[in-house]
Protein backbone atom coordinates (compact mmCIF):
# COMPACT_ATOMS: atom_id res chain seq x y z
CA UNK A 1 0.00 0.00 0.00
CA UNK A 2 1.34 3.43 -0.94
CA UNK A 3 2.54 5.72 1.86
CA UNK A 4 1.85 8.85 -0.17
CA UNK A 5 -0.09 11.82 1.15
CA UNK A 6 -0.73 15.20 -0.46
CA UNK A 7 1.22 17.48 1.89
CA UNK A 8 2.57 19.42 -1.09
CA UNK A 9 -0.86 20.91 -1.82
CA UNK A 10 -0.65 23.16 1.25
CA UNK A 11 2.85 24.46 0.63
CA UNK A 12 4.77 27.22 -1.10
CA UNK A 13 8.18 26.24 -2.47
CA UNK A 14 11.33 28.29 -2.97
CA UNK A 15 13.72 27.26 -5.73
CA UNK A 16 17.44 27.58 -5.10
CA UNK A 17 19.90 27.64 -7.98
CA UNK A 18 22.88 26.95 -5.71
CA UNK A 19 25.83 28.66 -7.34
CA UNK A 20 24.09 32.05 -7.39
CA UNK A 21 22.11 31.97 -4.14
CA UNK A 22 24.59 32.85 -1.35
CA UNK A 23 28.29 32.22 -0.84
CA UNK A 24 29.01 31.23 2.74
CA UNK A 25 32.75 30.56 2.59
CA UNK A 26 34.01 33.49 0.50
CA UNK A 27 35.25 31.59 -2.55
CA UNK A 28 32.83 33.37 -4.90
CA UNK A 29 30.59 30.34 -5.48
CA UNK A 30 27.17 30.01 -3.89
CA UNK A 31 27.08 27.06 -1.53
CA UNK A 32 25.17 25.19 1.14
CA UNK A 33 26.85 27.20 3.89
CA UNK A 34 25.12 30.23 2.40
CA UNK A 35 21.84 28.35 2.17
CA UNK A 36 22.03 27.41 5.84
CA UNK A 37 22.53 31.09 6.72
CA UNK A 38 19.36 31.97 4.82
CA UNK A 39 16.98 29.22 5.96
CA UNK A 40 15.21 31.61 8.32
CA UNK A 41 14.91 34.14 5.49
CA UNK A 42 13.23 31.55 3.25
CA UNK A 43 10.93 30.57 6.09
CA UNK A 44 10.10 34.25 6.70
CA UNK A 45 8.68 34.47 3.19
CA UNK A 46 6.07 31.90 4.13
CA UNK A 47 7.81 29.21 2.09
CA UNK A 48 7.79 25.77 3.64
CA UNK A 49 9.60 23.83 0.93
CA UNK A 50 12.88 24.14 -0.97
CA UNK A 51 13.67 22.81 -4.43
CA UNK A 52 17.38 22.54 -5.07
CA UNK A 53 18.70 22.65 -8.60
CA UNK A 54 21.54 20.09 -8.93
CA UNK A 55 24.08 19.97 -6.11
CA UNK A 56 25.91 16.89 -7.38
CA UNK A 57 29.53 16.71 -8.60
CA UNK A 58 29.69 18.00 -12.16
CA UNK A 59 32.18 19.41 -14.66
CA UNK A 60 29.79 22.36 -14.95
CA UNK A 61 29.29 22.40 -18.71
CA UNK A 62 25.56 22.95 -18.13
CA UNK A 63 25.88 24.47 -14.66
CA UNK A 64 25.33 21.21 -12.78
CA UNK A 65 22.88 19.49 -15.11
CA UNK A 66 25.79 17.42 -16.44
CA UNK A 67 26.18 15.10 -13.45
CA UNK A 68 29.27 12.97 -12.87
CA UNK A 69 28.16 11.37 -9.57
CA UNK A 70 24.55 11.05 -8.43
CA UNK A 71 25.37 9.84 -4.91
CA UNK A 72 27.37 12.76 -3.56
CA UNK A 73 27.29 16.53 -3.10
CA UNK A 74 29.86 18.66 -4.92
CA UNK A 75 32.69 19.96 -2.75
CA UNK A 76 32.20 23.43 -4.24
CA UNK A 77 28.81 23.48 -2.52
CA UNK A 78 30.17 22.20 0.79
CA UNK A 79 29.98 18.43 0.34
CA UNK A 80 27.69 15.92 1.97
CA UNK A 81 28.15 17.18 5.52
CA UNK A 82 26.91 20.64 4.54
CA UNK A 83 23.93 19.14 2.72
CA UNK A 84 22.90 17.06 5.74
CA UNK A 85 23.17 20.15 7.92
CA UNK A 86 20.86 22.07 5.57
CA UNK A 87 18.46 19.13 5.29
CA UNK A 88 18.25 18.83 9.09
CA UNK A 89 17.96 22.60 9.46
CA UNK A 90 15.10 22.74 6.99
CA UNK A 91 13.26 19.88 8.66
CA UNK A 92 13.71 21.50 12.08
CA UNK A 93 11.92 24.55 10.66
CA UNK A 94 9.08 22.43 9.28
CA UNK A 95 10.31 22.77 5.70
CA UNK A 96 10.48 20.05 3.06
CA UNK A 97 13.42 19.57 0.68
CA UNK A 98 13.24 18.24 -2.87
CA UNK A 99 16.16 17.65 -5.19
CA UNK A 100 16.67 17.58 -8.93
CA UNK A 101 16.65 14.14 -10.55
CA UNK A 102 18.48 14.42 -13.88
CA UNK A 103 18.44 11.00 -15.52
CA UNK A 104 17.77 11.65 -19.19
CA UNK A 105 21.53 12.14 -19.47
CA UNK A 106 24.78 12.18 -17.50
CA UNK A 107 28.04 14.00 -17.92
CA UNK A 108 30.51 12.30 -20.26
CA UNK A 109 32.79 12.43 -17.20
CA UNK A 110 30.54 9.98 -15.33
CA UNK A 111 32.16 6.61 -14.64
CA UNK A 112 29.30 4.89 -16.46
CA UNK A 113 30.12 6.74 -19.65
CA UNK A 114 33.85 6.22 -19.34
CA UNK A 115 33.31 2.47 -19.04
CA UNK A 116 30.61 2.43 -21.72
CA UNK A 117 32.92 4.00 -24.30
CA UNK A 118 35.42 1.23 -23.48
CA UNK A 119 32.69 -1.42 -23.84
CA UNK A 120 33.23 -2.63 -20.29
CA UNK A 121 30.33 -4.76 -19.09
CA UNK A 122 27.74 -4.15 -17.76
CA UNK A 123 28.07 -0.52 -18.92
CA UNK A 124 28.39 -1.16 -22.66
CA UNK A 125 24.74 -0.32 -23.37
CA UNK A 126 24.13 2.25 -20.64
CA UNK A 127 23.99 4.96 -23.33
CA UNK A 128 22.49 5.30 -26.81
CA UNK A 129 25.32 4.34 -29.17
CA UNK A 130 25.04 3.90 -32.92
CA UNK A 131 27.60 3.30 -35.66
CA UNK A 132 28.15 5.84 -38.41
CA UNK A 133 26.15 5.39 -41.59
CA UNK A 134 27.97 3.89 -44.55
CA UNK A 135 28.80 7.37 -45.77
CA UNK A 136 30.15 8.27 -42.33
CA UNK A 137 27.06 10.32 -41.48
CA UNK A 138 25.22 10.62 -38.18
CA UNK A 139 22.64 7.94 -37.24
CA UNK A 140 19.58 10.17 -37.76
CA UNK A 141 18.62 13.80 -38.33
CA UNK A 142 17.52 14.69 -34.79
CA UNK A 143 18.54 18.05 -33.31
CA UNK A 144 19.76 18.72 -29.81
CA UNK A 145 18.30 21.51 -27.70
CA UNK A 146 21.69 23.11 -27.10
CA UNK A 147 24.38 22.32 -29.66
CA UNK A 148 23.59 21.34 -33.22
CA UNK A 149 22.67 17.78 -34.07
CA UNK A 150 21.91 15.23 -31.36
CA UNK A 151 24.94 13.05 -32.08
CA UNK A 152 28.64 13.26 -31.19
CA UNK A 153 31.41 10.98 -32.40
CA UNK A 154 33.43 9.16 -29.76
CA UNK A 155 36.90 8.38 -31.06
CA UNK A 156 37.56 5.76 -28.40
CA UNK A 157 34.47 3.63 -29.06
CA UNK A 158 34.31 4.53 -32.77
CA UNK A 159 30.58 5.19 -32.57
CA UNK A 160 28.19 8.09 -32.16
CA UNK A 161 26.38 8.73 -28.88
CA UNK A 162 23.14 10.66 -28.52
CA UNK A 163 23.04 13.98 -26.67
CA UNK A 164 19.74 15.84 -26.67
CA UNK A 165 21.43 18.68 -24.81
CA UNK A 166 25.12 19.65 -24.64
CA UNK A 167 27.75 17.49 -26.34
CA UNK A 168 29.07 16.56 -22.88
CA UNK A 169 25.60 15.38 -21.76
CA UNK A 170 25.19 11.85 -23.07
CA UNK A 171 21.67 10.39 -23.09
CA UNK A 172 21.16 7.30 -20.99
CA UNK A 173 19.63 4.21 -22.55
CA UNK A 174 16.58 3.81 -20.33
CA UNK A 175 15.51 0.76 -22.34
CA UNK A 176 18.31 -1.07 -20.53
CA UNK A 177 16.84 -2.48 -17.30
CA UNK A 178 20.20 -2.08 -15.57
CA UNK A 179 19.99 1.68 -16.13
CA UNK A 180 16.53 1.76 -14.59
CA UNK A 181 17.88 -0.10 -11.57
CA UNK A 182 20.58 2.56 -11.25
CA UNK A 183 17.86 5.23 -11.22
CA UNK A 184 15.97 3.39 -8.49
CA UNK A 185 19.13 3.13 -6.41
CA UNK A 186 19.66 6.89 -6.76
CA UNK A 187 16.10 7.56 -5.62
CA UNK A 188 16.36 5.26 -2.61
CA UNK A 189 19.72 6.74 -1.58
CA UNK A 190 18.34 10.27 -1.20
CA UNK A 191 14.91 9.31 0.09
CA UNK A 192 16.48 7.16 2.78
CA UNK A 193 18.59 10.16 3.79
CA UNK A 194 15.39 12.12 4.36
CA UNK A 195 14.89 14.07 1.12
CA UNK A 196 11.17 14.68 0.58
CA UNK A 197 10.91 14.26 -3.17
CA UNK A 198 12.25 15.17 -6.58
CA UNK A 199 11.82 17.56 -9.43
CA UNK A 200 12.48 15.30 -12.40
CA UNK A 201 14.37 17.10 -15.15
CA UNK A 202 13.02 16.63 -18.73
CA UNK A 203 11.72 13.26 -17.55
CA UNK A 204 9.32 12.85 -20.48
CA UNK A 205 12.33 12.50 -22.83
CA UNK A 206 13.71 9.25 -21.38
CA UNK A 207 11.99 6.89 -23.87
CA UNK A 208 12.98 7.36 -27.50
CA UNK A 209 11.09 6.09 -30.55
CA UNK A 210 12.05 2.55 -31.40
CA UNK A 211 14.56 2.34 -34.22
CA UNK A 212 15.41 6.04 -33.84
CA UNK A 213 13.86 6.99 -37.22
CA UNK A 214 14.53 10.23 -39.07
CA UNK A 215 12.09 13.08 -38.48
CA UNK A 216 10.51 14.21 -41.75
CA UNK A 217 7.81 16.36 -40.12
CA UNK A 218 9.44 19.06 -37.99
CA UNK A 219 11.19 21.81 -39.99
CA UNK A 220 13.32 22.63 -36.94
CA UNK A 221 14.01 20.91 -33.60
CA UNK A 222 13.88 17.64 -35.50
CA UNK A 223 13.05 14.59 -33.42
CA UNK A 224 11.01 16.42 -30.80
CA UNK A 225 7.95 14.21 -31.21
CA UNK A 226 10.06 11.07 -31.52
CA UNK A 227 11.83 11.36 -28.18
CA UNK A 228 9.21 13.21 -26.10
CA UNK A 229 6.49 11.06 -24.46
CA UNK A 230 8.07 7.98 -26.03
CA UNK A 231 6.66 4.45 -26.36
CA UNK A 232 7.86 3.07 -23.00
CA UNK A 233 7.67 6.21 -20.91
CA UNK A 234 4.62 5.25 -18.85
CA UNK A 235 5.99 1.76 -18.33
CA UNK A 236 9.25 3.10 -16.89
CA UNK A 237 7.58 5.76 -14.77
CA UNK A 238 5.19 3.21 -13.30
CA UNK A 239 8.16 0.98 -12.53
CA UNK A 240 9.86 3.79 -10.61
CA UNK A 241 6.68 4.56 -8.74
CA UNK A 242 5.80 0.99 -7.76
CA UNK A 243 9.34 -0.10 -6.94
CA UNK A 244 10.39 3.05 -5.10
CA UNK A 245 7.97 5.91 -4.59
CA UNK A 246 5.11 3.83 -3.20
CA UNK A 247 7.38 3.08 -0.26
CA UNK A 248 7.90 6.74 0.65
CA UNK A 249 5.75 9.79 1.30
CA UNK A 250 7.56 11.74 -1.39
CA UNK A 251 6.48 14.35 -3.92
CA UNK A 252 7.21 13.84 -7.61
CA UNK A 253 7.29 17.01 -9.71
CA UNK A 254 7.89 16.42 -13.41
CA UNK A 255 9.33 18.81 -15.96
CA UNK A 256 7.53 18.19 -19.24
CA UNK A 257 8.44 20.15 -22.37
CA UNK A 258 5.58 20.73 -24.84
CA UNK A 259 2.95 19.37 -22.47
CA UNK A 260 -0.66 20.48 -22.89
CA UNK A 261 -3.23 19.97 -20.11
CA UNK A 262 -4.59 16.97 -22.02
CA UNK A 263 -1.14 15.42 -22.19
CA UNK A 264 -0.41 16.30 -18.57
CA UNK A 265 -3.50 14.42 -17.40
CA UNK A 266 -2.00 11.22 -18.77
CA UNK A 267 0.53 11.52 -15.94
CA UNK A 268 -1.08 13.47 -13.09
CA UNK A 269 -4.79 12.54 -13.17
CA UNK A 270 -5.64 11.80 -9.51
CA UNK A 271 -8.76 9.87 -10.51
CA UNK A 272 -6.53 7.18 -11.92
CA UNK A 273 -3.08 6.06 -10.78
CA UNK A 274 -0.81 9.05 -11.44
CA UNK A 275 2.93 8.64 -11.90
CA UNK A 276 3.58 12.29 -10.98
CA UNK A 277 2.04 14.60 -8.39
CA UNK A 278 2.47 17.78 -10.42
CA UNK A 279 3.91 18.85 -13.73
CA UNK A 280 5.98 21.87 -14.76
CA UNK A 281 4.50 23.03 -18.05
CA UNK A 282 6.30 25.49 -20.30
CA UNK A 283 3.22 27.23 -21.68
CA UNK A 284 3.25 29.90 -18.97
CA UNK A 285 6.49 31.12 -20.55
CA UNK A 286 4.91 31.46 -23.99
CA UNK A 287 3.21 34.86 -23.87
CA UNK A 288 6.22 36.60 -25.41
CA UNK A 289 7.76 33.81 -27.45
CA UNK A 290 7.01 31.21 -30.07
CA UNK A 291 8.32 27.62 -29.90
CA UNK A 292 10.48 28.39 -26.85
CA UNK A 293 12.33 31.34 -25.35
CA UNK A 294 14.62 31.85 -28.35
CA UNK A 295 11.83 33.01 -30.68
CA UNK A 296 11.02 36.27 -28.93
CA UNK A 297 7.88 38.28 -29.79
CA UNK A 298 6.12 41.17 -28.02
CA UNK A 299 4.19 40.21 -24.89
CA UNK A 300 0.51 39.49 -25.50
CA UNK A 301 -1.70 39.47 -22.40
CA UNK A 302 -4.45 37.49 -24.08
CA UNK A 303 -2.07 34.58 -24.63
CA UNK A 304 -1.02 34.57 -20.98
CA UNK A 305 -4.61 34.69 -19.74
CA UNK A 306 -5.61 31.88 -22.06
CA UNK A 307 -2.74 29.73 -20.75
CA UNK A 308 -3.51 30.46 -17.10
CA UNK A 309 -7.20 29.71 -17.53
CA UNK A 310 -6.65 26.63 -19.65
CA UNK A 311 -4.51 24.95 -17.00
CA UNK A 312 -6.79 26.03 -14.16
CA UNK A 313 -9.94 24.75 -15.86
CA UNK A 314 -8.63 21.60 -17.55
CA UNK A 315 -7.00 20.22 -14.40
CA UNK A 316 -9.73 21.29 -11.97
CA UNK A 317 -11.12 18.35 -10.04
CA UNK A 318 -8.75 16.01 -11.86
CA UNK A 319 -5.20 16.99 -10.96
CA UNK A 320 -3.14 19.56 -9.09
CA UNK A 321 -1.39 22.50 -10.73
CA UNK A 322 2.20 23.55 -10.17
CA UNK A 323 2.22 27.36 -10.28
CA UNK A 324 5.24 29.43 -11.30
CA UNK A 325 6.32 32.46 -13.29
CA UNK A 326 10.11 32.18 -12.95
CA UNK A 327 12.82 29.55 -12.71
CA UNK A 328 16.44 29.03 -13.73
CA UNK A 329 15.57 28.27 -17.37
CA UNK A 330 13.91 31.54 -18.38
CA UNK A 331 14.66 35.28 -18.28
CA UNK A 332 13.28 37.41 -15.45
CA UNK A 333 9.56 38.05 -15.57
CA UNK A 334 9.56 41.76 -14.64
CA UNK A 335 11.61 42.38 -17.78
CA UNK A 336 9.28 40.24 -19.88
CA UNK A 337 5.65 40.50 -18.76
CA UNK A 338 6.08 43.50 -16.48
CA UNK A 339 8.05 46.72 -16.75
CA UNK A 340 11.50 47.75 -15.57
CA UNK A 341 10.26 51.35 -15.47
CA UNK A 342 7.52 50.19 -13.10
CA UNK A 343 9.67 47.50 -11.55
CA UNK A 344 8.17 47.64 -8.08
CA UNK A 345 4.56 47.84 -9.21
CA UNK A 346 4.78 45.19 -11.90
CA UNK A 347 6.73 42.75 -9.71
CA UNK A 348 3.92 42.88 -7.15
CA UNK A 349 1.22 42.57 -9.79
CA UNK A 350 2.91 39.54 -11.34
CA UNK A 351 3.09 37.90 -7.92
CA UNK A 352 -0.65 38.24 -7.39
CA UNK A 353 -1.42 37.11 -10.94
CA UNK A 354 -0.41 33.56 -10.06
CA UNK A 355 -0.16 33.22 -6.26
CA UNK A 356 -3.94 33.12 -5.83
CA UNK A 357 -4.58 30.49 -8.46
CA UNK A 358 -5.33 26.90 -7.48
CA UNK A 359 -2.20 24.81 -7.07
CA UNK A 360 1.18 24.83 -5.37
CA UNK A 361 3.22 28.00 -6.00
CA UNK A 362 6.97 28.02 -6.56
CA UNK A 363 9.10 31.15 -6.13
CA UNK A 364 12.51 31.38 -7.78
CA UNK A 365 15.38 33.02 -5.92
CA UNK A 366 15.41 36.77 -6.45
CA UNK A 367 11.89 36.81 -7.82
CA UNK A 368 10.65 37.90 -4.40
CA UNK A 369 12.54 41.21 -4.71
CA UNK A 370 11.71 41.76 -8.38
CA UNK A 371 15.12 41.05 -9.89
CA UNK A 372 15.37 41.98 -13.56
CA UNK A 373 17.24 40.89 -16.66
CA UNK A 374 20.97 41.47 -17.10
CA UNK A 375 22.37 43.44 -20.05
CA UNK A 376 26.09 42.75 -20.67
CA UNK A 377 27.86 44.55 -23.49
CA UNK A 378 29.93 41.54 -24.56
CA UNK A 379 28.45 38.15 -25.61
CA UNK A 380 31.54 36.45 -24.18
CA UNK A 381 30.31 37.43 -20.72
CA UNK A 382 27.55 34.83 -20.94
CA UNK A 383 28.19 31.49 -19.25
CA UNK A 384 25.27 29.37 -20.42
CA UNK A 385 26.13 26.74 -23.04
CA UNK A 386 22.80 27.21 -24.85
CA UNK A 387 23.20 31.00 -24.97
CA UNK A 388 26.71 30.83 -26.38
CA UNK A 389 25.61 28.37 -29.07
CA UNK A 390 22.73 30.63 -30.07
CA UNK A 391 24.98 33.67 -30.45
CA UNK A 392 27.78 32.04 -32.39
CA UNK A 393 25.77 29.58 -34.50
CA UNK A 394 22.21 30.91 -35.03
CA UNK A 395 21.14 33.99 -37.02
CA UNK A 396 24.80 34.81 -37.59
CA UNK A 397 23.98 37.08 -40.56
CA UNK A 398 22.33 39.55 -38.20
CA UNK A 399 24.43 42.39 -36.85
CA UNK A 400 26.33 41.80 -33.59
CA UNK A 401 24.08 44.41 -31.95
CA UNK A 402 20.90 42.55 -32.92
CA UNK A 403 22.37 39.23 -31.90
CA UNK A 404 23.34 40.64 -28.51
CA UNK A 405 19.83 42.10 -28.09
CA UNK A 406 18.50 38.58 -28.68
CA UNK A 407 20.59 37.34 -25.76
CA UNK A 408 19.27 40.14 -23.57
CA UNK A 409 15.71 39.07 -24.38
CA UNK A 410 16.12 35.31 -24.27
CA UNK A 411 19.11 34.03 -22.30
CA UNK A 412 18.71 31.89 -19.19
CA UNK A 413 21.71 33.69 -17.72
CA UNK A 414 19.48 36.67 -16.93
CA UNK A 415 17.97 34.54 -14.16
CA UNK A 416 21.33 33.22 -13.00
CA UNK A 417 23.11 36.33 -11.79
CA UNK A 418 23.82 36.26 -8.03
CA UNK A 419 20.98 37.07 -5.67
CA UNK A 420 21.13 40.71 -4.62
CA UNK A 421 21.26 40.60 -0.84
CA UNK A 422 22.42 44.16 -0.15
CA UNK A 423 23.87 47.32 -1.65
CA UNK A 424 27.31 46.30 -0.42
CA UNK A 425 30.08 45.13 -2.75
CA UNK A 426 29.09 42.15 -4.93
CA UNK A 427 25.49 42.66 -3.79
CA UNK A 428 26.35 40.97 -0.50
CA UNK A 429 26.50 37.67 -2.34
CA UNK A 430 30.16 36.96 -1.54
CA UNK A 431 33.19 38.47 0.15
CA UNK A 432 35.31 37.01 -2.65
CA UNK A 433 35.17 37.35 -6.42
CA UNK A 434 31.74 36.23 -7.71
CA UNK A 435 31.77 33.25 -10.05
CA UNK A 436 29.46 35.21 -12.37
CA UNK A 437 28.56 38.84 -13.03
CA UNK A 438 26.33 40.70 -10.60
CA UNK A 439 23.47 42.71 -12.11
CA UNK A 440 24.45 46.38 -11.96
CA UNK A 441 21.12 47.41 -10.43
CA UNK A 442 21.85 45.67 -7.11
CA UNK A 443 22.14 48.99 -5.27
CA UNK A 444 18.52 49.78 -6.16
CA UNK A 445 17.11 46.25 -5.92
CA UNK A 446 18.26 44.18 -2.94
CA UNK A 447 16.93 42.26 0.05
CA UNK A 448 18.41 44.45 2.80
CA UNK A 449 16.74 47.63 1.58
CA UNK A 450 13.44 45.86 1.02
CA UNK A 451 13.46 44.26 4.48
CA UNK A 452 13.25 47.77 5.95
CA UNK A 453 10.55 48.98 3.57
CA UNK A 454 7.02 47.84 4.46
CA UNK A 455 5.94 48.74 0.91
CA UNK A 456 8.64 46.67 -0.82
CA UNK A 457 8.20 43.84 -3.30
CA UNK A 458 9.65 41.48 -0.70
CA UNK A 459 7.09 42.39 1.92
CA UNK A 460 4.31 42.23 -0.67
CA UNK A 461 5.29 38.61 -1.32
CA UNK A 462 5.14 37.91 2.40
CA UNK A 463 1.69 39.45 2.68
CA UNK A 464 0.42 37.64 -0.40
CA UNK A 465 1.69 34.26 0.76
CA UNK A 466 0.26 34.79 4.25
CA UNK A 467 -3.09 35.76 2.76
CA UNK A 468 -3.03 32.76 0.46
CA UNK A 469 -2.43 30.41 3.39
CA UNK A 470 -5.08 31.99 5.58
CA UNK A 471 -7.88 31.71 3.03
CA UNK A 472 -9.41 28.31 2.41
CA UNK A 473 -10.96 29.68 -0.78
CA UNK A 474 -7.49 29.78 -2.33
CA UNK A 475 -6.87 26.14 -1.48
CA UNK A 476 -10.29 24.78 -2.43
CA UNK A 477 -12.29 27.38 -4.34
CA UNK A 478 -13.34 27.33 -7.96
CA UNK A 479 -11.44 29.48 -10.46
CA UNK A 480 -13.11 31.69 -13.04
CA UNK A 481 -11.66 34.27 -15.41
CA UNK A 482 -13.66 37.41 -16.23
CA UNK A 483 -13.47 39.95 -19.07
CA UNK A 484 -11.43 37.57 -21.16
CA UNK A 485 -11.16 39.94 -24.11
CA UNK A 486 -9.61 42.77 -22.11
CA UNK A 487 -6.19 43.67 -23.54
CA UNK A 488 -5.13 45.40 -20.32
CA UNK A 489 -6.58 43.50 -17.37
CA UNK A 490 -6.39 39.95 -16.07
CA UNK A 491 -9.35 39.47 -13.73
CA UNK A 492 -10.21 36.24 -11.95
CA UNK A 493 -12.19 35.03 -8.97
CA UNK A 494 -11.84 32.13 -6.58
CA UNK A 495 -15.06 31.01 -4.91
CA UNK A 496 -16.21 28.44 -2.37
CA UNK A 497 -19.35 28.13 -0.25
CA UNK A 498 -18.21 30.80 2.23
CA UNK A 499 -16.03 33.31 0.40
CA UNK A 500 -15.23 34.87 -2.94
CA UNK A 501 -11.84 36.31 -3.83
CA UNK A 502 -11.39 38.82 -6.66
CA UNK A 503 -7.96 39.43 -8.21
CA UNK A 504 -7.57 42.30 -10.69
CA UNK A 505 -4.18 42.70 -12.42
CA UNK A 506 -3.29 45.52 -14.81
CA UNK A 507 -0.70 44.54 -17.40
CA UNK A 508 -0.29 48.00 -18.91
CA UNK A 509 1.62 51.21 -18.27
CA UNK A 510 -1.56 53.12 -19.17
CA UNK A 511 -4.57 53.81 -16.98
CA UNK A 512 -7.34 51.23 -17.06
CA UNK A 513 -10.89 51.16 -15.72
CA UNK A 514 -11.61 48.36 -13.28
CA UNK A 515 -14.94 46.58 -13.43
CA UNK A 516 -16.15 44.08 -10.89
CA UNK A 517 -17.67 40.92 -12.36
CA UNK A 518 -21.40 40.37 -12.03
CA UNK A 519 -22.34 39.19 -8.58
CA UNK A 520 -19.32 40.72 -6.85
CA UNK A 521 -20.38 43.74 -4.77
CA UNK A 522 -17.26 45.85 -4.20
CA UNK A 523 -19.07 47.97 -1.61
CA UNK A 524 -19.35 44.92 0.62
CA UNK A 525 -15.88 43.53 -0.11
CA UNK A 526 -12.70 44.04 1.84
CA UNK A 527 -9.54 45.16 0.02
CA UNK A 528 -6.96 42.63 1.18
CA UNK A 529 -3.93 43.46 -0.95
CA UNK A 530 -2.81 46.23 -3.30
CA UNK A 531 0.40 47.69 -4.69
CA UNK A 532 -0.23 51.43 -4.51
CA UNK A 533 -0.33 53.38 -1.26
CA UNK A 534 -3.82 54.72 -1.88
CA UNK A 535 -6.84 53.13 -3.53
CA UNK A 536 -9.55 55.68 -4.14
CA UNK A 537 -11.19 55.08 -7.48
CA UNK A 538 -11.97 52.50 -10.13
CA UNK A 539 -9.18 53.83 -12.33
CA UNK A 540 -6.19 51.53 -12.17
CA UNK A 541 -2.71 52.99 -12.48
CA UNK A 542 0.17 51.32 -14.36
CA UNK A 543 0.55 47.69 -13.32
CA UNK A 544 -1.82 48.09 -10.42
CA UNK A 545 -3.20 45.03 -8.64
CA UNK A 546 -6.07 44.72 -6.19
CA UNK A 547 -7.24 41.67 -4.28
CA UNK A 548 -10.70 41.81 -2.68
CA UNK A 549 -12.42 39.35 -0.34
CA UNK A 550 -16.19 39.02 -0.09
CA UNK A 551 -17.82 36.95 2.65
CA UNK A 552 -21.07 35.38 1.59
């Protein structure tokens, strides 16, 4: 019998991208010593869970997502002793801890890969190897997400290996039952230590189409529909659940590229036997882009509202939503859906736009103070492997200025600059030399200044999270969007048998007229949250947000 409960439905999680969170030992790299220092800060936000991006030993080609040892903590982050201290410290504060599970691929520095390229049993078929075609060509025409085609030649083995991401991230052969046993051993190792669950990185990619056929359908990103949601995916996920997860009260959060609500329900439908508890969908990031972050277009509010409402309505009563607006894989939201001119106002508005929806919210480090995108003058300043590939290999006929502007709009590195803790040198992130560039606006946007300002973005997040937790209507109530054709306002209600909550968000730098939906009497409602000092009329100012509560 499964030991699982649904504790995650009552929580708010905080995502830590370790190398840029807080440096505790002065070497310039964020670490677990810094995390331990800030546990009370995270708790003060109202967050009661932490998601760690990878902490494992890694060469760092993809900032930790190229793992060389799944059963240890990297020394640069403080090693295993520091992790256990943080884990115990979190649990003492009533906080859960989930880790990243990255098993679509490993680093080519992993011992499994080193032995596989030498054809040492039992590792020979741990990865997806194929010989060159008769003309010396690659095995098929699939593209990688990061660096060209999805195949790299290994001179030692004299075969190609698949890499859907960086060249140094070799895809595991999950069709090999020995590989699946390795995954189960990894899961048990951390769960037995006391970890409370996993965020499973690109987990829907682990089963590739049989025979690895060419893709003759997609004009770009070839192979996407041949390695995503593959033929044995459910079989393998059910194996992991029955053999491991059913024995623990652990949360399983899946990252699922290109997942629609209909597709998500195949994995998270609580009326059946779900293999995941929640799913990270990418559609929320699609209101200013086409086919992923690298095809930037102007922000369109209608697209965002449609995405929000689609996921709220399609999963309602069937599954539980994971709510987010930022993470380590996308540029900062104030710079995208909000306004840097109205940084404070739009950061607060964006918070309310999703924190009162039905589901479990996640907050990404720095989001709670309204951190913005980073604008370096030199493309060589970027660290991210995907960003560098895009600049030097895509749209190369465009001028350097236009290509650099594309990085400003699209790069993941905008979300990976060190957290701005204070106006002191290096934003208070480190007493040493930071591993990466600090955003130049840290003197205007930082935690220390906002702690002392009751009207700050930081304290707005605290109020919003506290309000969310105190209102049962947010946990259980029905969601409904109103005025769906408005090009300026996102208006929604949450309603149960006792209360009705109204959230009105202005997504424009122009004035807008607020209307209450039919059946919601503003004269009888209480204004619970707002982002301007005074609220005196129905005219909304730039990026204004209001949250009203009506008792029935």
